[in-house]
């Protein structure tokens, strides 16, 4: 059975210049991990894990004589992988070289 092709006629309200500016600003802040964004919170958590800091989710419970040791598994794994990750970016020559197109 063939379906009739209908052109969807969804009408959206036109955005004002202010609406576009706010939408773009929000997208930019979130993409760069602006303060208070989900990305920035995840970066802080990941840094705490990497540094093995006993804070946040890694904080020990409030129990007398409880150890505040945090294993360094995350940092150890990252450090072990780093040479292989960096290999494609390292060359025998200078890492980056620019040729001027014009004086100055």
N, C-alpha and C. Protein backbone atom coordinates (compact mmCIF):
# COMPACT_ATOMS: atom_id res chain seq x y z
N UNK A 1 0.84 -1.17 0.00
CA UNK A 1 0.00 0.00 0.00
C UNK A 1 0.89 1.24 0.00
N UNK A 2 0.63 2.11 -0.87
CA UNK A 2 1.42 3.33 -0.98
C UNK A 2 0.85 4.39 -0.05
N UNK A 3 1.75 5.15 0.50
CA UNK A 3 1.33 6.23 1.40
C UNK A 3 1.35 7.53 0.63
N UNK A 4 0.36 8.32 0.86
CA UNK A 4 0.31 9.63 0.21
C UNK A 4 1.38 10.51 0.85
N UNK A 5 2.11 11.19 0.01
CA UNK A 5 3.15 12.06 0.57
C UNK A 5 2.54 13.41 0.88
N UNK A 6 2.54 13.72 2.16
CA UNK A 6 2.03 15.01 2.61
C UNK A 6 3.20 15.86 3.06
N UNK A 7 3.13 17.09 2.73
CA UNK A 7 4.15 17.99 3.19
C UNK A 7 3.75 18.44 4.59
N UNK A 8 4.61 18.20 5.53
CA UNK A 8 4.31 18.58 6.91
C UNK A 8 4.24 20.09 7.00
N UNK A 9 3.16 20.54 7.55
CA UNK A 9 2.99 21.99 7.67
C UNK A 9 3.01 22.37 9.15
N UNK A 10 4.21 22.34 9.71
CA UNK A 10 4.40 22.73 11.10
C UNK A 10 4.89 24.16 11.09
N UNK A 11 4.18 24.99 11.80
CA UNK A 11 4.56 26.40 11.86
C UNK A 11 5.22 26.68 13.20
N UNK A 12 6.37 27.28 13.13
CA UNK A 12 7.10 27.66 14.33
C UNK A 12 7.02 29.18 14.47
N UNK A 13 6.99 29.61 15.71
CA UNK A 13 7.00 31.05 15.95
C UNK A 13 8.37 31.60 15.56
N UNK A 14 8.38 32.74 14.93
CA UNK A 14 9.65 33.34 14.53
C UNK A 14 10.42 33.79 15.76
N UNK A 15 11.71 33.52 15.73
CA UNK A 15 12.56 33.91 16.84
C UNK A 15 13.02 35.35 16.65
N UNK A 16 13.05 36.07 17.75
CA UNK A 16 13.57 37.43 17.69
C UNK A 16 15.09 37.37 17.76
N UNK A 17 15.72 38.50 17.49
CA UNK A 17 17.18 38.55 17.60
C UNK A 17 17.63 38.20 19.01
N UNK A 18 16.88 38.64 20.00
CA UNK A 18 17.22 38.33 21.39
C UNK A 18 17.13 36.85 21.68
N UNK A 19 16.09 36.19 21.13
CA UNK A 19 15.94 34.74 21.33
C UNK A 19 17.11 33.99 20.71
N UNK A 20 17.51 34.41 19.53
CA UNK A 20 18.64 33.76 18.85
C UNK A 20 19.92 33.96 19.65
N UNK A 21 20.11 35.17 20.16
CA UNK A 21 21.31 35.46 20.94
C UNK A 21 21.36 34.60 22.21
N UNK A 22 20.23 34.50 22.92
CA UNK A 22 20.19 33.70 24.14
C UNK A 22 20.44 32.23 23.83
N UNK A 23 19.83 31.72 22.78
CA UNK A 23 20.01 30.32 22.39
C UNK A 23 21.48 30.04 22.05
N UNK A 24 22.09 30.92 21.28
CA UNK A 24 23.49 30.74 20.91
C UNK A 24 24.41 30.85 22.13
N UNK A 25 24.14 31.80 23.00
CA UNK A 25 24.96 31.98 24.20
C UNK A 25 24.89 30.74 25.09
N UNK A 26 23.68 30.21 25.29
CA UNK A 26 23.52 29.01 26.11
C UNK A 26 24.25 27.81 25.50
N UNK A 27 24.14 27.64 24.21
CA UNK A 27 24.82 26.53 23.54
C UNK A 27 26.33 26.68 23.67
N UNK A 28 26.84 27.89 23.50
CA UNK A 28 28.28 28.13 23.60
C UNK A 28 28.78 27.87 25.01
N UNK A 29 28.07 28.38 26.02
CA UNK A 29 28.49 28.17 27.41
C UNK A 29 28.49 26.69 27.76
N UNK A 30 27.48 25.97 27.33
CA UNK A 30 27.43 24.53 27.63
C UNK A 30 28.50 23.76 26.88
N UNK A 31 28.78 24.15 25.65
CA UNK A 31 29.78 23.43 24.87
C UNK A 31 31.18 23.64 25.42
N UNK A 32 31.44 24.78 25.99
CA UNK A 32 32.77 25.07 26.52
C UNK A 32 32.89 24.70 27.99
N UNK A 33 31.81 24.22 28.59
CA UNK A 33 31.87 23.85 30.00
C UNK A 33 31.87 25.06 30.89
N UNK A 34 31.00 26.01 30.59
CA UNK A 34 30.90 27.22 31.40
C UNK A 34 30.55 26.91 32.84
N UNK A 35 30.78 27.84 33.74
CA UNK A 35 30.52 27.61 35.16
C UNK A 35 29.09 27.14 35.40
N UNK A 36 28.96 26.09 36.17
CA UNK A 36 27.64 25.58 36.51
C UNK A 36 27.05 24.64 35.48
N UNK A 37 27.71 24.45 34.34
CA UNK A 37 27.18 23.55 33.32
C UNK A 37 27.45 22.10 33.72
N UNK A 38 26.75 21.21 33.09
CA UNK A 38 26.92 19.78 33.38
C UNK A 38 28.35 19.34 33.05
N UNK A 39 28.87 19.84 31.95
CA UNK A 39 30.22 19.46 31.53
C UNK A 39 31.24 19.92 32.56
N UNK A 40 31.09 21.13 33.08
CA UNK A 40 32.06 21.62 34.06
C UNK A 40 31.99 20.81 35.34
N UNK A 41 30.81 20.40 35.75
CA UNK A 41 30.67 19.57 36.95
C UNK A 41 31.32 18.20 36.74
N UNK A 42 31.15 17.65 35.54
CA UNK A 42 31.79 16.36 35.24
C UNK A 42 33.31 16.49 35.21
N UNK A 43 33.81 17.61 34.70
CA UNK A 43 35.26 17.82 34.67
C UNK A 43 35.84 17.89 36.09
N UNK A 44 35.13 18.59 36.98
CA UNK A 44 35.59 18.68 38.37
C UNK A 44 35.61 17.29 39.00
N UNK A 45 34.54 16.52 38.79
CA UNK A 45 34.48 15.16 39.34
C UNK A 45 35.61 14.30 38.79
N UNK A 46 35.85 14.38 37.47
CA UNK A 46 36.92 13.58 36.86
C UNK A 46 38.29 13.98 37.40
N UNK A 47 38.49 15.27 37.63
CA UNK A 47 39.76 15.73 38.19
C UNK A 47 39.95 15.22 39.61
N UNK A 48 38.86 15.19 40.39
CA UNK A 48 38.94 14.63 41.75
C UNK A 48 39.31 13.15 41.68
N UNK A 49 38.73 12.42 40.74
CA UNK A 49 39.06 10.99 40.58
C UNK A 49 40.53 10.84 40.18
N UNK A 50 40.98 11.66 39.22
CA UNK A 50 42.35 11.57 38.74
C UNK A 50 43.35 11.86 39.87
N UNK A 51 43.06 12.89 40.66
CA UNK A 51 43.95 13.27 41.75
C UNK A 51 43.74 12.44 43.01
N UNK A 52 42.78 11.51 42.98
CA UNK A 52 42.47 10.63 44.10
C UNK A 52 42.20 11.43 45.37
N UNK A 53 41.41 12.49 45.23
CA UNK A 53 41.06 13.33 46.38
C UNK A 53 39.86 12.73 47.11
N UNK A 54 39.93 12.60 48.43
CA UNK A 54 38.80 12.04 49.18
C UNK A 54 37.71 13.08 49.41
N UNK A 55 37.17 13.63 48.32
CA UNK A 55 36.10 14.62 48.41
C UNK A 55 34.96 14.19 47.51
N UNK A 56 33.82 14.85 47.65
CA UNK A 56 32.67 14.54 46.79
C UNK A 56 32.24 13.10 46.93
N UNK A 57 32.09 12.41 45.81
CA UNK A 57 31.65 11.01 45.81
C UNK A 57 32.68 10.08 46.45
N UNK A 58 33.93 10.52 46.51
CA UNK A 58 34.99 9.68 47.07
C UNK A 58 35.22 9.94 48.56
N UNK A 59 34.45 10.84 49.15
CA UNK A 59 34.62 11.16 50.57
C UNK A 59 34.22 9.96 51.42
N UNK A 60 35.02 9.66 52.44
CA UNK A 60 34.67 8.53 53.30
C UNK A 60 33.46 8.87 54.16
N UNK A 61 32.71 7.87 54.57
CA UNK A 61 31.58 8.15 55.45
C UNK A 61 32.08 8.62 56.81
N UNK A 62 31.23 9.33 57.52
CA UNK A 62 31.59 9.87 58.83
C UNK A 62 31.56 8.76 59.88
N UNK A 63 32.55 7.90 59.84
CA UNK A 63 32.67 6.81 60.80
C UNK A 63 34.04 6.93 61.44
N UNK A 64 34.08 6.83 62.77
CA UNK A 64 35.35 6.94 63.48
C UNK A 64 36.35 5.91 62.97
N UNK A 65 37.59 6.34 62.85
CA UNK A 65 38.71 5.49 62.43
C UNK A 65 38.55 4.92 61.02
N UNK A 66 37.73 5.56 60.18
CA UNK A 66 37.57 5.13 58.78
C UNK A 66 38.70 5.73 57.96
N UNK A 67 39.33 4.94 57.14
CA UNK A 67 40.41 5.41 56.30
C UNK A 67 39.89 6.37 55.24
N UNK A 68 40.70 7.37 54.88
CA UNK A 68 40.32 8.27 53.79
C UNK A 68 41.17 7.99 52.55
N UNK A 69 41.74 6.80 52.46
CA UNK A 69 42.54 6.39 51.31
C UNK A 69 41.66 6.28 50.07
N UNK A 70 42.16 6.80 48.96
CA UNK A 70 41.47 6.67 47.68
C UNK A 70 42.47 6.07 46.70
N UNK A 71 42.08 4.99 46.06
CA UNK A 71 42.97 4.32 45.10
C UNK A 71 43.23 5.23 43.90
N UNK A 72 44.39 5.10 43.32
CA UNK A 72 44.79 5.94 42.19
C UNK A 72 44.60 5.22 40.86
N UNK A 73 43.61 4.35 40.76
CA UNK A 73 43.38 3.57 39.54
C UNK A 73 43.17 4.43 38.31
N UNK A 74 42.41 5.52 38.46
CA UNK A 74 42.11 6.38 37.30
C UNK A 74 43.40 7.02 36.79
N UNK A 75 44.16 7.62 37.69
CA UNK A 75 45.41 8.27 37.27
C UNK A 75 46.39 7.26 36.70
N UNK A 76 46.48 6.10 37.30
CA UNK A 76 47.39 5.07 36.81
C UNK A 76 47.02 4.63 35.39
N UNK A 77 45.73 4.47 35.14
CA UNK A 77 45.27 4.06 33.81
C UNK A 77 45.55 5.13 32.77
N UNK A 78 45.26 6.39 33.11
CA UNK A 78 45.50 7.49 32.17
C UNK A 78 46.99 7.61 31.87
N UNK A 79 47.81 7.56 32.91
CA UNK A 79 49.25 7.68 32.72
C UNK A 79 49.81 6.54 31.88
N UNK A 80 49.26 5.33 32.04
CA UNK A 80 49.72 4.19 31.25
C UNK A 80 49.33 4.33 29.78
N UNK A 81 48.19 4.94 29.51
CA UNK A 81 47.71 5.09 28.13
C UNK A 81 48.30 6.30 27.42
N UNK A 82 48.82 7.25 28.17
CA UNK A 82 49.26 8.52 27.58
C UNK A 82 50.27 8.39 26.45
N UNK A 83 51.32 7.57 26.55
CA UNK A 83 52.26 7.47 25.42
C UNK A 83 51.60 7.04 24.10
N UNK A 84 50.67 6.08 24.17
CA UNK A 84 49.99 5.63 22.95
C UNK A 84 49.05 6.70 22.41
N UNK A 85 48.43 7.45 23.32
CA UNK A 85 47.52 8.51 22.89
C UNK A 85 48.30 9.63 22.21
N UNK A 86 49.47 9.96 22.74
CA UNK A 86 50.26 11.08 22.22
C UNK A 86 51.04 10.74 20.96
N UNK A 87 51.26 9.46 20.71
CA UNK A 87 52.11 9.04 19.59
C UNK A 87 51.71 9.67 18.24
N UNK A 88 50.43 9.71 17.87
CA UNK A 88 50.09 10.31 16.57
C UNK A 88 50.41 11.80 16.46
N UNK A 89 50.58 12.48 17.61
CA UNK A 89 50.81 13.91 17.59
C UNK A 89 52.28 14.30 17.63
N UNK A 90 53.14 13.32 17.84
CA UNK A 90 54.57 13.60 17.97
C UNK A 90 55.26 13.25 16.65
N UNK A 91 56.09 14.16 16.19
CA UNK A 91 56.87 13.91 14.98
C UNK A 91 58.34 14.13 15.29
N UNK A 92 59.21 13.78 14.35
CA UNK A 92 60.64 13.99 14.55
C UNK A 92 61.00 15.46 14.44
N UNK A 93 60.24 16.18 13.64
CA UNK A 93 60.51 17.60 13.44
C UNK A 93 59.79 18.41 14.52
N UNK A 94 59.73 19.70 14.27
CA UNK A 94 58.97 20.57 15.17
C UNK A 94 57.52 20.14 15.16
N UNK A 95 56.85 20.27 16.28
CA UNK A 95 55.45 19.84 16.38
C UNK A 95 54.56 20.65 15.45
N UNK A 96 54.80 21.96 15.38
CA UNK A 96 53.98 22.84 14.53
C UNK A 96 54.90 23.85 13.86
N UNK A 97 54.67 24.07 12.59
CA UNK A 97 55.46 25.05 11.87
C UNK A 97 54.52 25.86 10.98
N UNK A 98 54.70 27.17 11.00
CA UNK A 98 53.85 28.07 10.22
C UNK A 98 54.66 28.78 9.16
N UNK A 99 54.07 28.95 7.99
CA UNK A 99 54.69 29.73 6.93
C UNK A 99 53.90 31.03 6.81
N UNK A 100 54.61 32.14 6.86
CA UNK A 100 53.93 33.44 6.76
C UNK A 100 53.43 33.65 5.34
N UNK A 101 52.25 34.22 5.24
CA UNK A 101 51.68 34.54 3.92
C UNK A 101 52.07 35.93 3.47
N UNK A 102 52.34 36.78 4.45
CA UNK A 102 52.73 38.16 4.14
C UNK A 102 53.60 38.67 5.29
N UNK A 103 54.34 39.73 5.08
CA UNK A 103 55.20 40.27 6.13
C UNK A 103 54.36 40.71 7.34
N UNK A 104 54.92 40.50 8.52
CA UNK A 104 54.23 40.95 9.75
C UNK A 104 53.29 39.92 10.25
